[in-house]
């Protein structure tokens, strides 16, 4: 994809990524969201970066890599917080939202902190996660 994506192309990538995410295909969702996220305006940039990190968490857990997934989960939570702050400052809604993702990541981190290391149990936090695309401002 070109470095100069139109809003239509950006929105199409967000939608394609959301379709994959909603079917549990986190690697594929990540691939679509990765295209051009750095060019997105605030508050979408940190929000989409958080979504990409969420995908990485569950890809790593499927590979049984709990420790790196934990690091990504913490980064994702930080990006969600940055996105919330940017949304308040800019008074702009998100083009892409992942309802419940932050709460699920917090539960996942709590389970890991309490000693859970079974990737299959940890990845159960991904069940039912949904990405919603609203549109770019």
N, C-alpha and C. Protein backbone atom coordinates (compact mmCIF):
# COMPACT_ATOMS: atom_id res chain seq x y z
N UNK A 1 0.85 -1.18 0.00
CA UNK A 1 0.00 0.00 0.00
C UNK A 1 0.88 1.23 0.00
N UNK A 2 0.47 2.26 -0.66
CA UNK A 2 1.27 3.48 -0.78
C UNK A 2 1.36 4.20 0.55
N UNK A 3 2.40 5.03 0.68
CA UNK A 3 2.59 5.81 1.89
C UNK A 3 1.50 6.86 2.03
N UNK A 4 0.89 7.24 0.91
CA UNK A 4 -0.16 8.26 0.93
C UNK A 4 -1.53 7.61 0.80
N UNK A 5 -1.96 6.98 1.85
CA UNK A 5 -3.27 6.35 1.84
C UNK A 5 -4.36 7.38 1.97
N UNK A 6 -5.44 7.17 1.25
CA UNK A 6 -6.60 8.03 1.40
C UNK A 6 -7.38 7.58 2.64
N UNK A 7 -8.29 8.42 3.09
CA UNK A 7 -9.14 8.04 4.22
C UNK A 7 -9.95 6.79 3.88
N UNK A 8 -10.36 6.70 2.62
CA UNK A 8 -11.13 5.53 2.18
C UNK A 8 -10.30 4.26 2.31
N UNK A 9 -9.02 4.33 1.91
CA UNK A 9 -8.13 3.17 2.02
C UNK A 9 -7.85 2.84 3.48
N UNK A 10 -7.63 3.87 4.30
CA UNK A 10 -7.39 3.64 5.73
C UNK A 10 -8.60 2.96 6.36
N UNK A 11 -9.78 3.46 6.05
CA UNK A 11 -11.01 2.89 6.60
C UNK A 11 -11.20 1.45 6.12
N UNK A 12 -10.89 1.19 4.86
CA UNK A 12 -11.01 -0.17 4.33
C UNK A 12 -10.07 -1.11 5.07
N UNK A 13 -8.85 -0.68 5.36
CA UNK A 13 -7.91 -1.52 6.13
C UNK A 13 -8.41 -1.75 7.54
N UNK A 14 -8.98 -0.72 8.16
CA UNK A 14 -9.54 -0.91 9.50
C UNK A 14 -10.67 -1.93 9.48
N UNK A 15 -11.52 -1.84 8.47
CA UNK A 15 -12.65 -2.78 8.36
C UNK A 15 -12.18 -4.21 8.09
N UNK A 16 -11.22 -4.35 7.18
CA UNK A 16 -10.70 -5.70 6.88
C UNK A 16 -10.06 -6.30 8.13
N UNK A 17 -9.29 -5.48 8.82
CA UNK A 17 -8.67 -5.95 10.06
C UNK A 17 -9.71 -6.34 11.09
N UNK A 18 -10.77 -5.53 11.21
CA UNK A 18 -11.84 -5.84 12.17
C UNK A 18 -12.53 -7.16 11.81
N UNK A 19 -12.75 -7.40 10.53
CA UNK A 19 -13.36 -8.67 10.11
C UNK A 19 -12.51 -9.85 10.56
N UNK A 20 -11.20 -9.75 10.35
CA UNK A 20 -10.31 -10.84 10.77
C UNK A 20 -10.29 -10.96 12.29
N UNK A 21 -10.18 -9.84 12.99
CA UNK A 21 -10.16 -9.84 14.45
C UNK A 21 -11.40 -10.53 15.00
N UNK A 22 -12.56 -10.18 14.46
CA UNK A 22 -13.82 -10.73 14.95
C UNK A 22 -13.96 -12.22 14.70
N UNK A 23 -13.13 -12.75 13.81
CA UNK A 23 -13.13 -14.19 13.55
C UNK A 23 -11.96 -14.88 14.25
N UNK A 24 -11.26 -14.13 15.10
CA UNK A 24 -10.15 -14.72 15.85
C UNK A 24 -8.87 -14.88 15.06
N UNK A 25 -8.79 -14.25 13.91
CA UNK A 25 -7.59 -14.32 13.08
C UNK A 25 -6.73 -13.08 13.39
N UNK A 26 -6.04 -13.14 14.51
CA UNK A 26 -5.34 -11.97 15.04
C UNK A 26 -4.13 -11.57 14.21
N UNK A 27 -3.42 -12.54 13.65
CA UNK A 27 -2.27 -12.18 12.82
C UNK A 27 -2.72 -11.39 11.60
N UNK A 28 -3.78 -11.87 10.95
CA UNK A 28 -4.28 -11.21 9.76
C UNK A 28 -4.82 -9.81 10.09
N UNK A 29 -5.52 -9.68 11.22
CA UNK A 29 -6.02 -8.37 11.64
C UNK A 29 -4.85 -7.41 11.84
N UNK A 30 -3.83 -7.90 12.50
CA UNK A 30 -2.63 -7.09 12.72
C UNK A 30 -2.05 -6.60 11.40
N UNK A 31 -2.00 -7.47 10.40
CA UNK A 31 -1.43 -7.11 9.10
C UNK A 31 -2.19 -5.94 8.46
N UNK A 32 -3.51 -5.97 8.52
CA UNK A 32 -4.29 -4.87 7.93
C UNK A 32 -4.15 -3.59 8.74
N UNK A 33 -4.17 -3.71 10.06
CA UNK A 33 -4.09 -2.51 10.90
C UNK A 33 -2.70 -1.89 10.88
N UNK A 34 -1.71 -2.71 10.63
CA UNK A 34 -0.33 -2.22 10.60
C UNK A 34 -0.09 -1.25 9.45
N UNK A 35 -0.84 -1.42 8.35
CA UNK A 35 -0.66 -0.57 7.17
C UNK A 35 -1.13 0.84 7.49
N UNK A 36 -0.20 1.76 7.57
CA UNK A 36 -0.53 3.17 7.69
C UNK A 36 -0.99 3.68 9.03
N UNK A 37 -0.90 2.88 10.11
CA UNK A 37 -1.41 3.37 11.40
C UNK A 37 -0.64 4.59 11.89
N UNK A 38 0.63 4.71 11.51
CA UNK A 38 1.43 5.86 11.95
C UNK A 38 0.95 7.16 11.33
N UNK A 39 0.23 7.08 10.24
CA UNK A 39 -0.28 8.27 9.54
C UNK A 39 -1.68 8.69 10.04
N UNK A 40 -2.27 7.88 10.91
CA UNK A 40 -3.60 8.20 11.40
C UNK A 40 -3.55 9.41 12.33
N UNK A 41 -4.61 10.21 12.36
CA UNK A 41 -4.66 11.35 13.27
C UNK A 41 -4.95 10.89 14.70
N UNK A 42 -4.76 11.78 15.65
CA UNK A 42 -5.16 11.50 17.03
C UNK A 42 -6.68 11.61 17.09
N UNK A 43 -7.35 10.82 17.86
CA UNK A 43 -6.88 9.82 18.81
C UNK A 43 -6.71 8.43 18.22
N UNK A 44 -6.89 8.31 16.90
CA UNK A 44 -6.88 6.98 16.29
C UNK A 44 -5.51 6.29 16.31
N UNK A 45 -4.46 7.05 16.19
CA UNK A 45 -3.12 6.45 16.13
C UNK A 45 -2.83 5.54 17.34
N UNK A 46 -2.91 6.05 18.58
CA UNK A 46 -2.63 5.15 19.71
C UNK A 46 -3.68 4.06 19.89
N UNK A 47 -4.91 4.34 19.48
CA UNK A 47 -5.98 3.34 19.59
C UNK A 47 -5.70 2.16 18.66
N UNK A 48 -5.32 2.45 17.42
CA UNK A 48 -5.03 1.37 16.47
C UNK A 48 -3.74 0.65 16.89
N UNK A 49 -2.77 1.39 17.41
CA UNK A 49 -1.57 0.74 17.90
C UNK A 49 -1.91 -0.23 19.04
N UNK A 50 -2.81 0.18 19.93
CA UNK A 50 -3.25 -0.72 21.01
C UNK A 50 -3.90 -1.96 20.43
N UNK A 51 -4.73 -1.79 19.40
CA UNK A 51 -5.39 -2.93 18.76
C UNK A 51 -4.37 -3.88 18.15
N UNK A 52 -3.34 -3.32 17.53
CA UNK A 52 -2.27 -4.15 16.96
C UNK A 52 -1.57 -4.94 18.06
N UNK A 53 -1.32 -4.28 19.19
CA UNK A 53 -0.67 -4.95 20.31
C UNK A 53 -1.56 -6.06 20.89
N UNK A 54 -2.86 -5.83 20.95
CA UNK A 54 -3.79 -6.87 21.42
C UNK A 54 -3.67 -8.09 20.53
N UNK A 55 -3.61 -7.86 19.22
CA UNK A 55 -3.43 -8.99 18.30
C UNK A 55 -2.14 -9.74 18.61
N UNK A 56 -1.07 -8.99 18.84
CA UNK A 56 0.21 -9.61 19.16
C UNK A 56 0.15 -10.45 20.42
N UNK A 57 -0.59 -9.98 21.42
CA UNK A 57 -0.73 -10.74 22.66
C UNK A 57 -1.29 -12.12 22.37
N UNK A 58 -2.37 -12.17 21.60
CA UNK A 58 -3.02 -13.45 21.38
C UNK A 58 -2.28 -14.33 20.37
N UNK A 59 -1.56 -13.73 19.45
CA UNK A 59 -0.70 -14.52 18.56
C UNK A 59 0.40 -15.19 19.38
N UNK A 60 1.02 -14.43 20.27
CA UNK A 60 2.09 -14.99 21.11
C UNK A 60 1.56 -16.07 22.06
N UNK A 61 0.38 -15.85 22.63
CA UNK A 61 -0.18 -16.86 23.52
C UNK A 61 -0.46 -18.16 22.77
N UNK A 62 -0.92 -18.06 21.53
CA UNK A 62 -1.15 -19.27 20.73
C UNK A 62 0.15 -20.04 20.50
N UNK A 63 1.26 -19.32 20.51
CA UNK A 63 2.57 -19.96 20.35
C UNK A 63 3.15 -20.41 21.69
N UNK A 64 2.40 -20.19 22.78
CA UNK A 64 2.87 -20.58 24.10
C UNK A 64 3.91 -19.63 24.69
N UNK A 65 4.00 -18.43 24.17
CA UNK A 65 5.01 -17.46 24.61
C UNK A 65 4.37 -16.45 25.57
N UNK A 66 4.21 -16.88 26.82
CA UNK A 66 3.50 -16.10 27.83
C UNK A 66 4.25 -14.83 28.21
N UNK A 67 5.56 -14.92 28.41
CA UNK A 67 6.32 -13.75 28.87
C UNK A 67 6.27 -12.59 27.86
N UNK A 68 6.57 -12.81 26.57
CA UNK A 68 6.46 -11.68 25.65
C UNK A 68 5.01 -11.20 25.48
N UNK A 69 4.05 -12.10 25.60
CA UNK A 69 2.64 -11.70 25.52
C UNK A 69 2.30 -10.77 26.68
N UNK A 70 2.86 -11.05 27.83
CA UNK A 70 2.65 -10.21 29.01
C UNK A 70 3.18 -8.80 28.78
N UNK A 71 4.37 -8.71 28.20
CA UNK A 71 4.95 -7.39 27.91
C UNK A 71 4.07 -6.61 26.93
N UNK A 72 3.60 -7.28 25.89
CA UNK A 72 2.73 -6.61 24.92
C UNK A 72 1.40 -6.19 25.54
N UNK A 73 0.86 -7.01 26.42
CA UNK A 73 -0.40 -6.67 27.08
C UNK A 73 -0.25 -5.38 27.89
N UNK A 74 0.86 -5.25 28.59
CA UNK A 74 1.11 -4.02 29.36
C UNK A 74 1.23 -2.82 28.44
N UNK A 75 1.92 -2.97 27.32
CA UNK A 75 2.04 -1.88 26.35
C UNK A 75 0.68 -1.51 25.76
N UNK A 76 -0.13 -2.50 25.48
CA UNK A 76 -1.46 -2.25 24.91
C UNK A 76 -2.31 -1.44 25.88
N UNK A 77 -2.25 -1.77 27.15
CA UNK A 77 -3.01 -1.03 28.16
C UNK A 77 -2.54 0.41 28.22
N UNK A 78 -1.23 0.63 28.11
CA UNK A 78 -0.70 2.00 28.08
C UNK A 78 -1.22 2.75 26.86
N UNK A 79 -1.25 2.11 25.70
CA UNK A 79 -1.72 2.78 24.49
C UNK A 79 -3.21 3.09 24.58
N UNK A 80 -4.00 2.18 25.17
CA UNK A 80 -5.42 2.47 25.35
C UNK A 80 -5.59 3.72 26.22
N UNK A 81 -4.77 3.86 27.26
CA UNK A 81 -4.85 5.04 28.12
C UNK A 81 -4.47 6.30 27.35
N UNK A 82 -3.42 6.22 26.53
CA UNK A 82 -3.03 7.36 25.70
C UNK A 82 -4.15 7.73 24.73
N UNK A 83 -4.78 6.74 24.15
CA UNK A 83 -5.86 6.99 23.20
C UNK A 83 -7.04 7.67 23.90
N UNK A 84 -7.38 7.22 25.11
CA UNK A 84 -8.47 7.85 25.86
C UNK A 84 -8.17 9.31 26.14
N UNK A 85 -6.93 9.60 26.54
CA UNK A 85 -6.54 10.98 26.81
C UNK A 85 -6.63 11.81 25.54
N UNK A 86 -6.15 11.27 24.42
CA UNK A 86 -6.20 11.99 23.15
C UNK A 86 -7.64 12.23 22.72
N UNK A 87 -8.50 11.26 22.94
CA UNK A 87 -9.91 11.40 22.56
C UNK A 87 -10.57 12.52 23.36
N UNK A 88 -10.23 12.62 24.63
CA UNK A 88 -10.79 13.69 25.46
C UNK A 88 -10.27 15.06 25.03
N UNK A 89 -8.98 15.13 24.76
CA UNK A 89 -8.38 16.40 24.35
C UNK A 89 -8.94 16.86 23.01
N UNK A 90 -9.02 15.95 22.06
CA UNK A 90 -9.45 16.30 20.70
C UNK A 90 -10.96 16.23 20.52
N UNK A 91 -11.64 15.71 21.55
CA UNK A 91 -13.11 15.57 21.50
C UNK A 91 -13.55 14.88 20.22
N UNK A 92 -12.86 13.78 19.92
CA UNK A 92 -13.11 13.03 18.70
C UNK A 92 -13.31 11.56 19.05
N UNK A 93 -14.34 10.92 18.51
CA UNK A 93 -14.50 9.48 18.76
C UNK A 93 -13.48 8.66 17.97
N UNK A 94 -13.30 7.44 18.38
CA UNK A 94 -12.36 6.54 17.72
C UNK A 94 -12.96 5.99 16.43
N UNK A 95 -12.12 5.82 15.42
CA UNK A 95 -12.53 5.15 14.19
C UNK A 95 -12.65 3.65 14.43
N UNK A 96 -11.82 3.13 15.32
CA UNK A 96 -11.79 1.70 15.63
C UNK A 96 -11.89 1.54 17.14
N UNK A 97 -12.80 0.73 17.58
CA UNK A 97 -12.86 0.45 19.01
C UNK A 97 -12.86 -1.06 19.24
N UNK A 98 -12.33 -1.44 20.37
CA UNK A 98 -12.28 -2.84 20.78
C UNK A 98 -12.91 -2.92 22.17
N UNK A 99 -14.24 -2.87 22.24
CA UNK A 99 -14.90 -2.91 23.55
C UNK A 99 -14.46 -4.13 24.34
N UNK A 100 -14.17 -3.93 25.59
CA UNK A 100 -13.78 -4.99 26.53
C UNK A 100 -12.33 -5.44 26.39
N UNK A 101 -11.60 -5.01 25.38
CA UNK A 101 -10.22 -5.49 25.22
C UNK A 101 -9.35 -5.11 26.40
N UNK A 102 -9.45 -3.87 26.84
CA UNK A 102 -8.60 -3.44 27.96
C UNK A 102 -8.92 -4.24 29.22
N UNK A 103 -10.20 -4.45 29.49
CA UNK A 103 -10.59 -5.24 30.66
C UNK A 103 -10.10 -6.68 30.55
N UNK A 104 -10.18 -7.24 29.36
CA UNK A 104 -9.71 -8.62 29.17
C UNK A 104 -8.20 -8.71 29.37
N UNK A 105 -7.47 -7.70 28.90
CA UNK A 105 -6.01 -7.70 29.10
C UNK A 105 -5.67 -7.57 30.57
N UNK A 106 -6.42 -6.77 31.30
CA UNK A 106 -6.17 -6.64 32.74
C UNK A 106 -6.43 -7.98 33.45
N UNK A 107 -7.50 -8.67 33.05
CA UNK A 107 -7.76 -9.99 33.64
C UNK A 107 -6.66 -10.98 33.28
N UNK A 108 -6.22 -10.92 32.03
CA UNK A 108 -5.14 -11.80 31.58
C UNK A 108 -3.88 -11.55 32.42
N UNK A 109 -3.51 -10.28 32.61
CA UNK A 109 -2.33 -9.96 33.41
C UNK A 109 -2.50 -10.40 34.86
N UNK A 110 -3.70 -10.24 35.39
CA UNK A 110 -3.95 -10.69 36.76
C UNK A 110 -3.77 -12.20 36.87
N UNK A 111 -4.28 -12.94 35.88
CA UNK A 111 -4.15 -14.40 35.90
C UNK A 111 -2.68 -14.81 35.83
N UNK A 112 -1.90 -14.10 35.00
CA UNK A 112 -0.47 -14.40 34.89
C UNK A 112 0.24 -14.09 36.20
N UNK A 113 -0.10 -12.95 36.79
CA UNK A 113 0.49 -12.55 38.07
C UNK A 113 0.19 -13.58 39.15
N UNK A 114 -0.97 -14.18 39.09
CA UNK A 114 -1.35 -15.20 40.07
C UNK A 114 -0.78 -16.58 39.74
N UNK A 115 0.03 -16.66 38.70
CA UNK A 115 0.73 -17.90 38.40
C UNK A 115 0.22 -18.69 37.22
N UNK A 116 -0.81 -18.22 36.55
CA UNK A 116 -1.32 -18.95 35.38
C UNK A 116 -0.31 -18.86 34.25
N UNK A 117 0.04 -20.01 33.68
CA UNK A 117 0.97 -20.02 32.56
C UNK A 117 0.46 -20.90 31.41
N UNK A 118 -0.72 -21.45 31.56
CA UNK A 118 -1.32 -22.29 30.52
C UNK A 118 -1.86 -21.37 29.42
N UNK A 119 -1.18 -21.38 28.28
CA UNK A 119 -1.55 -20.49 27.17
C UNK A 119 -2.99 -20.70 26.72
N UNK A 120 -3.44 -21.94 26.71
CA UNK A 120 -4.81 -22.22 26.27
C UNK A 120 -5.82 -21.56 27.19
N UNK A 121 -5.56 -21.59 28.49
CA UNK A 121 -6.47 -20.92 29.42
C UNK A 121 -6.38 -19.40 29.28
N UNK A 122 -5.18 -18.90 29.09
CA UNK A 122 -5.00 -17.45 28.95
C UNK A 122 -5.65 -16.92 27.69
N UNK A 123 -5.56 -17.68 26.62
CA UNK A 123 -6.14 -17.22 25.35
C UNK A 123 -7.67 -17.24 25.40
N UNK A 124 -8.23 -17.91 26.40
CA UNK A 124 -9.69 -17.88 26.53
C UNK A 124 -10.20 -16.45 26.71
N UNK A 125 -9.33 -15.53 27.14
CA UNK A 125 -9.72 -14.13 27.26
C UNK A 125 -10.01 -13.50 25.90
N UNK A 126 -9.57 -14.13 24.82
CA UNK A 126 -9.82 -13.60 23.48
C UNK A 126 -11.22 -13.94 22.98
N UNK A 127 -11.85 -14.94 23.57
CA UNK A 127 -13.16 -15.38 23.09
C UNK A 127 -14.18 -14.25 23.24
N UNK A 128 -14.85 -13.96 22.15
CA UNK A 128 -15.89 -12.96 22.17
C UNK A 128 -15.43 -11.52 22.01
N UNK A 129 -14.13 -11.31 21.89
CA UNK A 129 -13.65 -9.95 21.64
C UNK A 129 -14.16 -9.49 20.28
N UNK A 130 -14.45 -8.21 20.19
CA UNK A 130 -14.99 -7.68 18.94
C UNK A 130 -14.35 -6.35 18.62
N UNK A 131 -14.05 -6.14 17.35
CA UNK A 131 -13.57 -4.85 16.86
C UNK A 131 -14.72 -4.20 16.10
N UNK A 132 -14.89 -2.90 16.33
CA UNK A 132 -15.95 -2.15 15.69
C UNK A 132 -15.34 -0.94 14.98
N UNK A 133 -15.68 -0.76 13.72
CA UNK A 133 -15.18 0.38 12.94
C UNK A 133 -16.31 1.39 12.79
N UNK A 134 -16.02 2.62 13.18
CA UNK A 134 -17.02 3.68 13.13
C UNK A 134 -16.80 4.63 11.96
N UNK A 135 -15.56 4.85 11.56
CA UNK A 135 -15.25 5.80 10.50
C UNK A 135 -14.21 6.78 10.95
N UNK A 136 -13.46 7.32 10.01
CA UNK A 136 -12.41 8.29 10.33
C UNK A 136 -12.97 9.69 10.35
N UNK A 137 -12.44 10.50 11.26
CA UNK A 137 -12.89 11.89 11.32
C UNK A 137 -12.09 12.77 10.40
